[in-house]
């Protein structure tokens, strides 16, 4: 059974940093494209960042570019989202997701393509 478990969320002040982790079990992340999405109250789930299957390509939403970094540790079977310069508008539940089936184009931002999802971790940024 595939499980993705996020951790590392919490309460932080504006300008602060957090590192989210997504640990996979029953699944090898090196065979997947891995994405991070977030959902704020009353809003739709939105793309945040992603790593390609090879891990060589990184993709970011414009709103987080230059502040967030996605990475993975194949030995730990874990994907990370390092978040710096946090803003109040970054407040949301953050989800990691895995995509095994190969796609071309801008697959990385399309939530409906991802096959496995974690339960999410809350990130709250206070003013």
Foldseek 3Di string as FASTA:
>chain_A
DKAWAKDFADEAAAQAKIKIKIAIDPDQQLLWKKFKWWDDPPGDIWGAKIAHSNRPDIDGDPVQPPFWDWHDDRVRSMIMIIGGRDDQVVWTWMKMFTANDDDDDPPRTDPVRTDDIHPTDTHGYHD
